[in-house]
């Protein structure tokens, strides 16, 4: 009887250890995979390229990374009608000494382009970035539709 009780305790202890080691393996942080590191490096390089492009085209405080980041976020938030959050970003934008005229010109550029076509794979952030770099960006005028009614009548 004693031997079977000891066997039961040994089985329970080994099962508990197995469960603990299994969960401990899940709890550890996995090493960063090479694909993730490469993707993060590409995203970092893209941001550096955007800042360099802004510095080349704009110059001045509007090309500063903090002004670009806050300004483009504020413009995107304004476009999506999240005014409370946009105004908080604009307060920070002003606190960093960034030019408020550039926000106005960029938003004007974005509004002039009109709503985005859902069939075109253009993103809001891409459009905001293009307007940030060149606020005087003009869009192509929409082609007149062939089915437009004529203003004259034959009556």
N, C-alpha and C. Protein backbone atom coordinates (compact mmCIF):
# COMPACT_ATOMS: atom_id res chain seq x y z
N UNK A 1 0.81 -1.18 0.00
CA UNK A 1 0.00 0.00 0.00
C UNK A 1 0.86 1.25 0.00
N UNK A 2 1.94 1.19 0.76
CA UNK A 2 2.82 2.32 0.81
C UNK A 2 3.47 2.60 -0.55
N UNK A 3 3.81 1.59 -1.28
CA UNK A 3 4.47 1.74 -2.56
C UNK A 3 3.54 2.38 -3.58
N UNK A 4 2.24 2.04 -3.58
CA UNK A 4 1.29 2.61 -4.54
C UNK A 4 1.02 4.08 -4.20
N UNK A 5 1.01 4.46 -2.92
CA UNK A 5 0.84 5.86 -2.52
C UNK A 5 2.03 6.70 -2.95
N UNK A 6 3.22 6.12 -2.81
CA UNK A 6 4.44 6.82 -3.23
C UNK A 6 4.44 7.00 -4.75
N UNK A 7 3.94 6.00 -5.44
CA UNK A 7 3.86 6.06 -6.89
C UNK A 7 2.90 7.18 -7.32
N UNK A 8 1.80 7.32 -6.62
CA UNK A 8 0.81 8.36 -6.92
C UNK A 8 1.39 9.76 -6.69
N UNK A 9 2.15 9.94 -5.60
CA UNK A 9 2.78 11.23 -5.32
C UNK A 9 3.83 11.55 -6.37
N UNK A 10 4.61 10.58 -6.80
CA UNK A 10 5.63 10.80 -7.82
C UNK A 10 5.00 11.18 -9.15
N UNK A 11 3.90 10.53 -9.51
CA UNK A 11 3.21 10.84 -10.75
C UNK A 11 2.63 12.25 -10.71
N UNK A 12 2.04 12.65 -9.59
CA UNK A 12 1.47 13.98 -9.46
C UNK A 12 2.56 15.05 -9.52
N UNK A 13 3.69 14.79 -8.85
CA UNK A 13 4.79 15.75 -8.86
C UNK A 13 5.37 15.91 -10.26
N UNK A 14 5.53 14.80 -10.99
CA UNK A 14 6.09 14.91 -12.35
C UNK A 14 5.12 15.62 -13.29
N UNK A 15 3.83 15.38 -13.12
CA UNK A 15 2.83 16.07 -13.93
C UNK A 15 2.85 17.58 -13.63
N UNK A 16 2.95 17.95 -12.38
CA UNK A 16 3.00 19.36 -12.00
C UNK A 16 4.24 20.04 -12.57
N UNK A 17 5.38 19.33 -12.53
CA UNK A 17 6.61 19.91 -13.08
C UNK A 17 6.50 20.07 -14.59
N UNK A 18 5.91 19.10 -15.26
CA UNK A 18 5.74 19.18 -16.70
C UNK A 18 4.88 20.38 -17.08
N UNK A 19 3.79 20.58 -16.35
CA UNK A 19 2.90 21.73 -16.61
C UNK A 19 3.63 23.04 -16.35
N UNK A 20 4.39 23.12 -15.27
CA UNK A 20 5.12 24.35 -14.95
C UNK A 20 6.15 24.68 -16.03
N UNK A 21 6.89 23.67 -16.48
CA UNK A 21 7.90 23.93 -17.51
C UNK A 21 7.25 24.31 -18.85
N UNK A 22 6.10 23.74 -19.14
CA UNK A 22 5.40 24.08 -20.38
C UNK A 22 4.96 25.53 -20.36
N UNK A 23 4.35 25.99 -19.26
CA UNK A 23 3.91 27.37 -19.16
C UNK A 23 5.08 28.33 -19.05
N UNK A 24 6.17 27.92 -18.46
CA UNK A 24 7.34 28.78 -18.38
C UNK A 24 7.91 29.04 -19.77
N UNK A 25 7.81 28.06 -20.64
CA UNK A 25 8.27 28.25 -22.03
C UNK A 25 7.43 29.27 -22.77
N UNK A 26 6.13 29.29 -22.50
CA UNK A 26 5.27 30.28 -23.13
C UNK A 26 5.49 31.67 -22.57
N UNK A 27 5.85 31.77 -21.33
CA UNK A 27 6.00 33.08 -20.68
C UNK A 27 7.26 33.81 -21.10
N UNK A 28 8.26 33.10 -21.59
CA UNK A 28 9.51 33.75 -21.98
C UNK A 28 9.30 34.52 -23.27
N UNK A 29 9.98 35.65 -23.39
CA UNK A 29 9.92 36.44 -24.61
C UNK A 29 10.73 35.76 -25.69
N UNK A 30 10.15 35.52 -26.84
CA UNK A 30 10.93 34.91 -27.91
C UNK A 30 11.91 35.93 -28.48
N UNK A 31 12.98 35.43 -29.00
CA UNK A 31 13.96 36.31 -29.65
C UNK A 31 13.31 36.92 -30.88
N UNK A 32 13.74 38.12 -31.23
CA UNK A 32 13.20 38.78 -32.41
C UNK A 32 13.59 37.99 -33.65
N UNK A 33 12.62 37.76 -34.50
CA UNK A 33 12.88 36.98 -35.71
C UNK A 33 13.59 37.87 -36.73
N UNK A 34 14.40 37.28 -37.59
CA UNK A 34 15.10 38.08 -38.59
C UNK A 34 14.15 38.85 -39.50
N UNK A 35 12.99 38.29 -39.83
CA UNK A 35 12.03 38.99 -40.67
C UNK A 35 11.52 40.25 -40.01
N UNK A 36 11.25 40.19 -38.70
CA UNK A 36 10.78 41.36 -37.96
C UNK A 36 11.85 42.44 -37.91
N UNK A 37 13.08 42.04 -37.69
CA UNK A 37 14.17 43.02 -37.63
C UNK A 37 14.34 43.71 -38.97
N UNK A 38 14.24 42.94 -40.05
CA UNK A 38 14.40 43.53 -41.37
C UNK A 38 13.25 44.49 -41.66
N UNK A 39 12.02 44.11 -41.27
CA UNK A 39 10.87 44.96 -41.49
C UNK A 39 10.98 46.26 -40.68
N UNK A 40 11.43 46.16 -39.44
CA UNK A 40 11.62 47.35 -38.61
C UNK A 40 12.71 48.24 -39.19
N UNK A 41 13.77 47.65 -39.72
CA UNK A 41 14.84 48.44 -40.33
C UNK A 41 14.33 49.17 -41.57
N UNK A 42 13.47 48.50 -42.37
CA UNK A 42 12.91 49.14 -43.56
C UNK A 42 12.00 50.31 -43.18
N UNK A 43 11.18 50.12 -42.14
CA UNK A 43 10.30 51.20 -41.69
C UNK A 43 11.11 52.37 -41.14
N UNK A 44 12.17 52.07 -40.41
CA UNK A 44 13.04 53.13 -39.89
C UNK A 44 13.71 53.89 -41.02
N UNK A 45 14.16 53.17 -42.04
CA UNK A 45 14.80 53.82 -43.19
C UNK A 45 13.79 54.67 -43.95
N UNK A 46 12.54 54.20 -44.05
CA UNK A 46 11.50 54.97 -44.74
C UNK A 46 11.26 56.30 -44.03
N UNK A 47 11.22 56.27 -42.69
CA UNK A 47 11.02 57.51 -41.93
C UNK A 47 12.19 58.46 -42.11
N UNK A 48 13.39 57.92 -42.10
CA UNK A 48 14.58 58.76 -42.31
C UNK A 48 14.53 59.40 -43.69
N UNK A 49 14.12 58.62 -44.69
CA UNK A 49 14.01 59.16 -46.05
C UNK A 49 12.95 60.26 -46.13
N UNK A 50 11.83 60.08 -45.41
CA UNK A 50 10.79 61.11 -45.41
C UNK A 50 11.30 62.40 -44.79
N UNK A 51 12.04 62.29 -43.69
CA UNK A 51 12.59 63.48 -43.05
C UNK A 51 13.62 64.16 -43.95
N UNK A 52 14.44 63.38 -44.63
CA UNK A 52 15.43 63.95 -45.54
C UNK A 52 14.75 64.65 -46.71
N UNK A 53 13.67 64.05 -47.23
CA UNK A 53 12.93 64.66 -48.33
C UNK A 53 12.32 65.99 -47.89
N UNK A 54 11.77 66.01 -46.69
CA UNK A 54 11.18 67.25 -46.18
C UNK A 54 12.24 68.31 -45.99
N UNK A 55 13.40 67.93 -45.46
CA UNK A 55 14.47 68.90 -45.25
C UNK A 55 14.93 69.48 -46.59
N UNK A 56 14.97 68.64 -47.62
CA UNK A 56 15.42 69.09 -48.94
C UNK A 56 14.41 70.06 -49.57
N UNK A 57 13.12 69.75 -49.45
CA UNK A 57 12.10 70.57 -50.12
C UNK A 57 11.64 71.76 -49.29
N UNK A 58 11.54 71.58 -47.97
CA UNK A 58 10.96 72.63 -47.14
C UNK A 58 12.00 73.54 -46.51
N UNK A 59 12.90 72.94 -45.76
CA UNK A 59 13.81 73.74 -44.97
C UNK A 59 13.03 74.40 -43.83
N UNK A 60 13.71 74.97 -42.90
CA UNK A 60 13.05 75.65 -41.79
C UNK A 60 12.42 74.69 -40.80
N UNK A 61 11.66 75.23 -39.86
CA UNK A 61 11.11 74.40 -38.79
C UNK A 61 10.06 73.40 -39.26
N UNK A 62 9.39 73.61 -40.38
CA UNK A 62 8.39 72.66 -40.86
C UNK A 62 9.02 71.33 -41.24
N UNK A 63 10.32 71.31 -41.49
CA UNK A 63 11.01 70.08 -41.86
C UNK A 63 11.57 69.35 -40.65
N UNK A 64 11.48 69.95 -39.46
CA UNK A 64 11.95 69.25 -38.26
C UNK A 64 11.12 68.00 -38.04
N UNK A 65 11.77 66.90 -37.60
CA UNK A 65 11.02 65.66 -37.41
C UNK A 65 9.84 65.79 -36.45
N UNK A 66 10.01 66.53 -35.36
CA UNK A 66 8.90 66.66 -34.41
C UNK A 66 7.75 67.46 -35.00
N UNK A 67 8.07 68.46 -35.82
CA UNK A 67 7.01 69.24 -36.47
C UNK A 67 6.29 68.39 -37.52
N UNK A 68 7.06 67.62 -38.27
CA UNK A 68 6.43 66.76 -39.27
C UNK A 68 5.52 65.74 -38.62
N UNK A 69 6.00 65.09 -37.57
CA UNK A 69 5.22 64.02 -36.94
C UNK A 69 3.93 64.58 -36.35
N UNK A 70 4.06 65.62 -35.56
CA UNK A 70 2.87 66.21 -34.93
C UNK A 70 1.94 66.84 -35.96
N UNK A 71 2.50 67.54 -36.92
CA UNK A 71 1.68 68.21 -37.92
C UNK A 71 0.91 67.24 -38.79
N UNK A 72 1.58 66.20 -39.27
CA UNK A 72 0.89 65.24 -40.13
C UNK A 72 -0.19 64.49 -39.35
N UNK A 73 0.08 64.19 -38.09
CA UNK A 73 -0.95 63.53 -37.26
C UNK A 73 -2.14 64.45 -37.05
N UNK A 74 -1.87 65.72 -36.78
CA UNK A 74 -2.96 66.68 -36.56
C UNK A 74 -3.80 66.82 -37.82
N UNK A 75 -3.16 66.88 -38.98
CA UNK A 75 -3.88 66.99 -40.26
C UNK A 75 -4.77 65.75 -40.47
N UNK A 76 -4.21 64.58 -40.21
CA UNK A 76 -4.99 63.34 -40.38
C UNK A 76 -6.18 63.31 -39.44
N UNK A 77 -5.97 63.75 -38.22
CA UNK A 77 -7.06 63.78 -37.24
C UNK A 77 -8.13 64.80 -37.64
N UNK A 78 -7.71 65.95 -38.15
CA UNK A 78 -8.68 66.93 -38.63
C UNK A 78 -9.51 66.35 -39.77
N UNK A 79 -8.86 65.63 -40.67
CA UNK A 79 -9.55 65.04 -41.82
C UNK A 79 -10.60 64.02 -41.36
N UNK A 80 -10.26 63.29 -40.30
CA UNK A 80 -11.18 62.26 -39.79
C UNK A 80 -12.17 62.82 -38.77
N UNK A 81 -12.21 64.13 -38.61
CA UNK A 81 -13.13 64.83 -37.71
C UNK A 81 -12.91 64.49 -36.24
N UNK A 82 -11.68 64.17 -35.86
CA UNK A 82 -11.36 63.96 -34.44
C UNK A 82 -10.73 65.26 -33.94
N UNK A 83 -11.57 66.26 -33.75
CA UNK A 83 -11.09 67.61 -33.47
C UNK A 83 -10.43 67.74 -32.10
N UNK A 84 -10.96 67.07 -31.08
CA UNK A 84 -10.37 67.19 -29.75
C UNK A 84 -8.92 66.70 -29.75
N UNK A 85 -8.69 65.54 -30.32
CA UNK A 85 -7.33 65.00 -30.37
C UNK A 85 -6.45 65.85 -31.29
N UNK A 86 -7.01 66.33 -32.39
CA UNK A 86 -6.23 67.18 -33.30
C UNK A 86 -5.78 68.46 -32.59
N UNK A 87 -6.66 69.06 -31.81
CA UNK A 87 -6.28 70.29 -31.11
C UNK A 87 -5.22 70.04 -30.05
N UNK A 88 -5.26 68.87 -29.42
CA UNK A 88 -4.18 68.53 -28.47
C UNK A 88 -2.85 68.40 -29.19
N UNK A 89 -2.86 67.81 -30.38
CA UNK A 89 -1.63 67.70 -31.15
C UNK A 89 -1.15 69.08 -31.61
N UNK A 90 -2.11 69.94 -31.96
CA UNK A 90 -1.73 71.29 -32.40
C UNK A 90 -1.13 72.11 -31.27
N UNK A 91 -1.59 71.88 -30.04
CA UNK A 91 -0.98 72.57 -28.90
C UNK A 91 0.48 72.16 -28.75
N UNK A 92 0.75 70.88 -28.88
CA UNK A 92 2.14 70.42 -28.83
C UNK A 92 2.94 70.96 -30.02
N UNK A 93 2.31 70.99 -31.17
CA UNK A 93 2.95 71.51 -32.38
C UNK A 93 3.40 72.95 -32.14
N UNK A 94 2.53 73.76 -31.56
CA UNK A 94 2.88 75.15 -31.25
C UNK A 94 3.97 75.23 -30.19
N UNK A 95 3.89 74.34 -29.21
CA UNK A 95 4.88 74.36 -28.12
C UNK A 95 6.29 74.07 -28.63
N UNK A 96 6.40 73.28 -29.69
CA UNK A 96 7.71 72.98 -30.26
C UNK A 96 8.20 74.08 -31.19
N UNK A 97 7.41 75.13 -31.36
CA UNK A 97 7.83 76.25 -32.20
C UNK A 97 7.67 75.97 -33.69
N UNK A 98 6.73 75.12 -34.04
CA UNK A 98 6.50 74.77 -35.44
C UNK A 98 5.58 75.81 -36.08
N UNK A 99 5.72 76.03 -37.39
CA UNK A 99 4.95 77.10 -38.06
C UNK A 99 3.48 76.73 -38.27
N UNK A 100 2.55 77.49 -37.67
CA UNK A 100 1.12 77.19 -37.83
C UNK A 100 0.63 77.41 -39.26
N UNK A 101 1.30 78.27 -40.02
CA UNK A 101 0.89 78.52 -41.41
C UNK A 101 1.00 77.25 -42.24
N UNK A 102 1.98 76.41 -41.89
CA UNK A 102 2.19 75.18 -42.67
C UNK A 102 1.04 74.21 -42.45
N UNK A 103 0.48 74.17 -41.25
CA UNK A 103 -0.69 73.33 -40.98
C UNK A 103 -1.86 73.77 -41.85
N UNK A 104 -2.08 75.09 -41.89
CA UNK A 104 -3.19 75.63 -42.67
C UNK A 104 -3.01 75.32 -44.16
N UNK A 105 -1.82 75.53 -44.67
CA UNK A 105 -1.57 75.28 -46.10
C UNK A 105 -1.69 73.79 -46.43
N UNK A 106 -1.22 72.93 -45.55
CA UNK A 106 -1.29 71.49 -45.80
C UNK A 106 -2.74 71.01 -45.76
N UNK A 107 -3.50 71.49 -44.81
CA UNK A 107 -4.91 71.08 -44.73
C UNK A 107 -5.68 71.61 -45.94
N UNK A 108 -5.37 72.81 -46.38
CA UNK A 108 -6.01 73.37 -47.57
C UNK A 108 -5.72 72.49 -48.78
N UNK A 109 -4.46 72.05 -48.91
CA UNK A 109 -4.07 71.16 -50.01
C UNK A 109 -4.87 69.87 -49.95
N UNK A 110 -5.02 69.31 -48.76
CA UNK A 110 -5.73 68.05 -48.59
C UNK A 110 -7.21 68.21 -48.95
N UNK A 111 -7.81 69.31 -48.52
CA UNK A 111 -9.23 69.55 -48.80
C UNK A 111 -9.45 69.77 -50.29
N UNK A 112 -8.54 70.47 -50.95
CA UNK A 112 -8.66 70.72 -52.39
C UNK A 112 -8.65 69.42 -53.19
N UNK A 113 -7.97 68.42 -52.68
CA UNK A 113 -7.91 67.15 -53.41
C UNK A 113 -9.21 66.37 -53.31
N UNK A 114 -10.05 66.72 -52.38
CA UNK A 114 -11.36 66.07 -52.26
C UNK A 114 -11.28 64.72 -51.58
N UNK A 115 -12.42 64.06 -51.53
CA UNK A 115 -12.50 62.74 -50.90
C UNK A 115 -11.69 61.72 -51.69
N UNK A 116 -11.22 60.71 -50.97
CA UNK A 116 -10.42 59.68 -51.60
C UNK A 116 -11.33 58.65 -52.27
N UNK A 117 -10.92 58.20 -53.42
CA UNK A 117 -11.64 57.17 -54.15
C UNK A 117 -11.32 55.83 -53.50
N UNK A 118 -12.33 55.08 -53.06
CA UNK A 118 -12.04 53.81 -52.39
C UNK A 118 -11.38 52.79 -53.31
N UNK A 119 -11.47 52.98 -54.63
CA UNK A 119 -10.86 52.03 -55.57
C UNK A 119 -9.36 52.28 -55.77
N UNK A 120 -8.90 53.46 -55.39
CA UNK A 120 -7.50 53.81 -55.55
C UNK A 120 -6.75 53.43 -54.27
N UNK A 121 -5.62 52.74 -54.40
CA UNK A 121 -4.92 52.29 -53.20
C UNK A 121 -4.12 53.37 -52.49
N UNK A 122 -4.52 54.61 -52.64
CA UNK A 122 -3.84 55.71 -51.97
C UNK A 122 -4.31 55.79 -50.52
N UNK A 123 -3.40 56.03 -49.62
CA UNK A 123 -3.78 56.13 -48.21
C UNK A 123 -3.82 57.58 -47.78
N UNK A 124 -4.51 57.82 -46.68
CA UNK A 124 -4.58 59.17 -46.13
C UNK A 124 -3.19 59.66 -45.73
N UNK A 125 -2.40 58.79 -45.11
CA UNK A 125 -1.07 59.22 -44.68
C UNK A 125 -0.19 59.59 -45.87
N UNK A 126 -0.31 58.88 -46.97
CA UNK A 126 0.46 59.22 -48.16
C UNK A 126 0.06 60.56 -48.74
N UNK A 127 -1.24 60.82 -48.75
CA UNK A 127 -1.73 62.10 -49.27
C UNK A 127 -1.31 63.25 -48.36
N UNK A 128 -1.40 63.02 -47.04
CA UNK A 128 -0.99 64.06 -46.09
C UNK A 128 0.49 64.35 -46.24
N UNK A 129 1.31 63.30 -46.40
CA UNK A 129 2.76 63.49 -46.57
C UNK A 129 3.05 64.30 -47.84
N UNK A 130 2.36 63.96 -48.94
CA UNK A 130 2.58 64.70 -50.19
C UNK A 130 2.21 66.16 -50.03
N UNK A 131 1.11 66.44 -49.34
CA UNK A 131 0.71 67.83 -49.12
C UNK A 131 1.65 68.53 -48.14
N UNK A 132 2.20 67.78 -47.18
CA UNK A 132 3.13 68.38 -46.22
C UNK A 132 4.40 68.83 -46.94
N UNK A 133 4.89 68.01 -47.84
CA UNK A 133 6.11 68.34 -48.58
C UNK A 133 5.86 69.49 -49.55
N UNK A 134 4.70 69.48 -50.21
CA UNK A 134 4.38 70.51 -51.18
C UNK A 134 2.94 70.96 -50.98
N UNK A 135 2.71 71.95 -50.10
CA UNK A 135 1.34 72.39 -49.82
C UNK A 135 0.64 73.04 -51.00
N UNK A 136 1.37 73.43 -52.01
CA UNK A 136 0.74 74.04 -53.18
C UNK A 136 0.44 73.00 -54.24
N UNK A 137 0.46 71.74 -53.88
CA UNK A 137 0.21 70.64 -54.80
C UNK A 137 -1.17 70.79 -55.43
N UNK A 138 -1.20 70.77 -56.73
CA UNK A 138 -2.47 70.88 -57.45
C UNK A 138 -2.85 69.50 -57.95
N UNK A 139 -4.13 69.20 -57.88
CA UNK A 139 -4.61 67.92 -58.39
C UNK A 139 -5.19 68.14 -59.77
N UNK A 140 -5.26 67.07 -60.52
CA UNK A 140 -5.85 67.17 -61.86
C UNK A 140 -7.35 67.39 -61.71
N UNK A 141 -7.87 68.27 -62.54
CA UNK A 141 -9.31 68.55 -62.48
C UNK A 141 -10.07 67.32 -62.97
N UNK A 142 -11.17 66.99 -62.35
CA UNK A 142 -11.92 65.82 -62.81
C UNK A 142 -12.45 66.03 -64.21
N UNK A 143 -12.41 64.96 -65.00
CA UNK A 143 -12.88 65.05 -66.38
C UNK A 143 -14.39 65.22 -66.39
N UNK A 144 -14.89 66.07 -67.29
CA UNK A 144 -16.34 66.25 -67.35
C UNK A 144 -16.99 64.95 -67.80
N UNK A 145 -18.13 64.64 -67.22
CA UNK A 145 -18.80 63.38 -67.56
C UNK A 145 -19.52 63.53 -68.89
N UNK A 146 -19.59 62.45 -69.64
CA UNK A 146 -20.21 62.47 -70.96
C UNK A 146 -21.73 62.56 -70.83
N UNK A 147 -22.27 62.13 -69.72
CA UNK A 147 -23.71 62.11 -69.54
C UNK A 147 -24.23 63.39 -68.89
N UNK A 148 -23.45 64.45 -68.90
CA UNK A 148 -23.88 65.71 -68.29
C UNK A 148 -25.00 66.31 -69.11
N UNK A 149 -26.09 66.73 -68.48
CA UNK A 149 -27.21 67.31 -69.23
C UNK A 149 -26.84 68.66 -69.82
N UNK A 150 -27.38 68.93 -70.93
CA UNK A 150 -27.09 70.19 -71.61
C UNK A 150 -27.92 71.31 -70.97
N UNK A 151 -27.41 72.53 -71.01
CA UNK A 151 -28.11 73.65 -70.38
C UNK A 151 -29.14 74.27 -71.29
N UNK A 152 -29.17 73.88 -72.55
CA UNK A 152 -30.16 74.44 -73.47
C UNK A 152 -31.29 73.43 -73.67
N UNK A 153 -32.43 73.93 -74.04
CA UNK A 153 -33.56 73.03 -74.30
C UNK A 153 -34.13 73.33 -75.66
N UNK A 154 -34.81 72.38 -76.24
CA UNK A 154 -35.38 72.51 -77.59
C UNK A 154 -36.85 72.85 -77.54
N UNK A 155 -37.37 73.32 -76.50
CA UNK A 155 -38.80 73.63 -76.41
C UNK A 155 -39.11 74.89 -77.08
